[in-house]
């Protein structure tokens, strides 16, 4: 079974950030995050953006707070 532990390697020494595993020997997989991340900061996600081909083509009809259709014209079932 795999279990994850968070640590930082500083000058070749491991500094555990939370729970430290109680093992004598173990096989590990190391994932290196980008440099410049602060110790307790969450990694930043890449912000998605729409394609430039649709830029400026969106339109707002009517008041964005009030509905376009009159309330009496709503189809509601009671």
C-alpha atoms as a PDB file:
ATOM      1  CA  UNK A   1       0.000   0.000   0.000  1.00  0.00           C
ATOM      2  CA  UNK A   2       1.243   3.488  -0.819  1.00  0.00           C
ATOM      3  CA  UNK A   3       1.085   6.294   1.704  1.00  0.00           C
ATOM      4  CA  UNK A   4       2.015   9.929   1.063  1.00  0.00           C
ATOM      5  CA  UNK A   5       4.059  12.162   3.343  1.00  0.00           C
ATOM      6  CA  UNK A   6       4.947  15.793   2.710  1.00  0.00           C
ATOM      7  CA  UNK A   7       8.559  16.859   3.167  1.00  0.00           C
ATOM      8  CA  UNK A   8      11.125  19.366   1.963  1.00  0.00           C
ATOM      9  CA  UNK A   9      14.707  18.522   1.095  1.00  0.00           C
ATOM     10  CA  UNK A  10      17.121  21.235   2.254  1.00  0.00           C
ATOM     11  CA  UNK A  11      20.852  20.754   1.604  1.00  0.00           C
ATOM     12  CA  UNK A  12      20.342  17.008   1.225  1.00  0.00           C
ATOM     13  CA  UNK A  13      18.400  16.612   4.497  1.00  0.00           C
ATOM     14  CA  UNK A  14      14.707  15.729   4.697  1.00  0.00           C
ATOM     15  CA  UNK A  15      12.489  18.056   6.751  1.00  0.00           C
ATOM     16  CA  UNK A  16       9.069  16.483   7.384  1.00  0.00           C
ATOM     17  CA  UNK A  17       6.226  19.005   7.154  1.00  0.00           C
ATOM     18  CA  UNK A  18       3.647  16.892   8.976  1.00  0.00           C
ATOM     19  CA  UNK A  19       3.535  13.232   9.994  1.00  0.00           C
ATOM     20  CA  UNK A  20       6.878  11.417   9.801  1.00  0.00           C
ATOM     21  CA  UNK A  21       6.828   7.745   8.772  1.00  0.00           C
ATOM     22  CA  UNK A  22       8.106   5.300  11.390  1.00  0.00           C
ATOM     23  CA  UNK A  23      10.198   3.094   9.092  1.00  0.00           C
ATOM     24  CA  UNK A  24      13.723   1.719   9.268  1.00  0.00           C
ATOM     25  CA  UNK A  25      14.067   1.386   5.489  1.00  0.00           C
ATOM     26  CA  UNK A  26      11.693   2.073   2.599  1.00  0.00           C
ATOM     27  CA  UNK A  27      11.554   2.498  -1.155  1.00  0.00           C
ATOM     28  CA  UNK A  28      10.415   6.020  -2.091  1.00  0.00           C
ATOM     29  CA  UNK A  29       9.277   7.976  -5.141  1.00  0.00           C
ATOM     30  CA  UNK A  30      10.219  11.662  -5.115  1.00  0.00           C
ATOM     31  CA  UNK A  31       8.144  14.300  -6.932  1.00  0.00           C
ATOM     32  CA  UNK A  32       9.867  17.659  -7.270  1.00  0.00           C
ATOM     33  CA  UNK A  33       7.601  20.732  -7.363  1.00  0.00           C
ATOM     34  CA  UNK A  34       8.514  23.967  -9.106  1.00  0.00           C
ATOM     35  CA  UNK A  35      11.001  26.200  -7.334  1.00  0.00           C
ATOM     36  CA  UNK A  36       9.682  29.363  -5.756  1.00  0.00           C
ATOM     37  CA  UNK A  37       6.712  27.782  -3.997  1.00  0.00           C
ATOM     38  CA  UNK A  38       6.558  28.866  -0.399  1.00  0.00           C
ATOM     39  CA  UNK A  39       6.716  26.140   2.207  1.00  0.00           C
ATOM     40  CA  UNK A  40       3.006  26.152   3.126  1.00  0.00           C
ATOM     41  CA  UNK A  41       1.570  27.599  -0.097  1.00  0.00           C
ATOM     42  CA  UNK A  42      -0.653  25.480  -2.301  1.00  0.00           C
ATOM     43  CA  UNK A  43       0.522  25.000  -5.889  1.00  0.00           C
ATOM     44  CA  UNK A  44      -1.101  27.478  -8.273  1.00  0.00           C
ATOM     45  CA  UNK A  45      -3.375  26.043 -10.911  1.00  0.00           C
ATOM     46  CA  UNK A  46      -3.095  27.272 -14.471  1.00  0.00           C
ATOM     47  CA  UNK A  47      -6.002  29.611 -15.204  1.00  0.00           C
ATOM     48  CA  UNK A  48      -8.086  28.531 -18.162  1.00  0.00           C
ATOM     49  CA  UNK A  49      -9.080  31.080 -20.788  1.00  0.00           C
ATOM     50  CA  UNK A  50     -11.428  30.903 -23.773  1.00  0.00           C
ATOM     51  CA  UNK A  51     -10.051  30.746 -27.300  1.00  0.00           C
ATOM     52  CA  UNK A  52      -9.361  34.105 -28.929  1.00  0.00           C
ATOM     53  CA  UNK A  53     -11.719  33.186 -31.804  1.00  0.00           C
ATOM     54  CA  UNK A  54     -14.734  33.866 -29.532  1.00  0.00           C
ATOM     55  CA  UNK A  55     -13.320  36.994 -27.928  1.00  0.00           C
ATOM     56  CA  UNK A  56     -15.830  39.884 -27.878  1.00  0.00           C
ATOM     57  CA  UNK A  57     -18.695  37.823 -29.348  1.00  0.00           C
ATOM     58  CA  UNK A  58     -20.713  37.383 -26.142  1.00  0.00           C
ATOM     59  CA  UNK A  59     -23.824  39.545 -25.740  1.00  0.00           C
ATOM     60  CA  UNK A  60     -25.997  40.406 -22.736  1.00  0.00           C
ATOM     61  CA  UNK A  61     -29.710  40.769 -23.500  1.00  0.00           C
ATOM     62  CA  UNK A  62     -31.784  42.900 -21.169  1.00  0.00           C
ATOM     63  CA  UNK A  63     -31.113  43.554 -17.532  1.00  0.00           C
ATOM     64  CA  UNK A  64     -28.781  40.966 -15.981  1.00  0.00           C
ATOM     65  CA  UNK A  65     -30.661  41.253 -12.659  1.00  0.00           C
ATOM     66  CA  UNK A  66     -34.269  41.121 -13.899  1.00  0.00           C
ATOM     67  CA  UNK A  67     -35.613  38.378 -16.185  1.00  0.00           C
ATOM     68  CA  UNK A  68     -36.302  39.169 -19.861  1.00  0.00           C
ATOM     69  CA  UNK A  69     -39.645  37.351 -19.803  1.00  0.00           C
ATOM     70  CA  UNK A  70     -42.479  38.793 -17.724  1.00  0.00           C
ATOM     71  CA  UNK A  71     -43.209  36.807 -14.581  1.00  0.00           C
ATOM     72  CA  UNK A  72     -46.803  36.162 -15.739  1.00  0.00           C
ATOM     73  CA  UNK A  73     -45.410  34.383 -18.834  1.00  0.00           C
ATOM     74  CA  UNK A  74     -43.371  31.864 -16.838  1.00  0.00           C
ATOM     75  CA  UNK A  75     -44.547  28.297 -17.231  1.00  0.00           C
ATOM     76  CA  UNK A  76     -44.810  27.059 -13.672  1.00  0.00           C
ATOM     77  CA  UNK A  77     -46.660  24.007 -12.474  1.00  0.00           C
ATOM     78  CA  UNK A  78     -48.340  24.096  -9.102  1.00  0.00           C
END
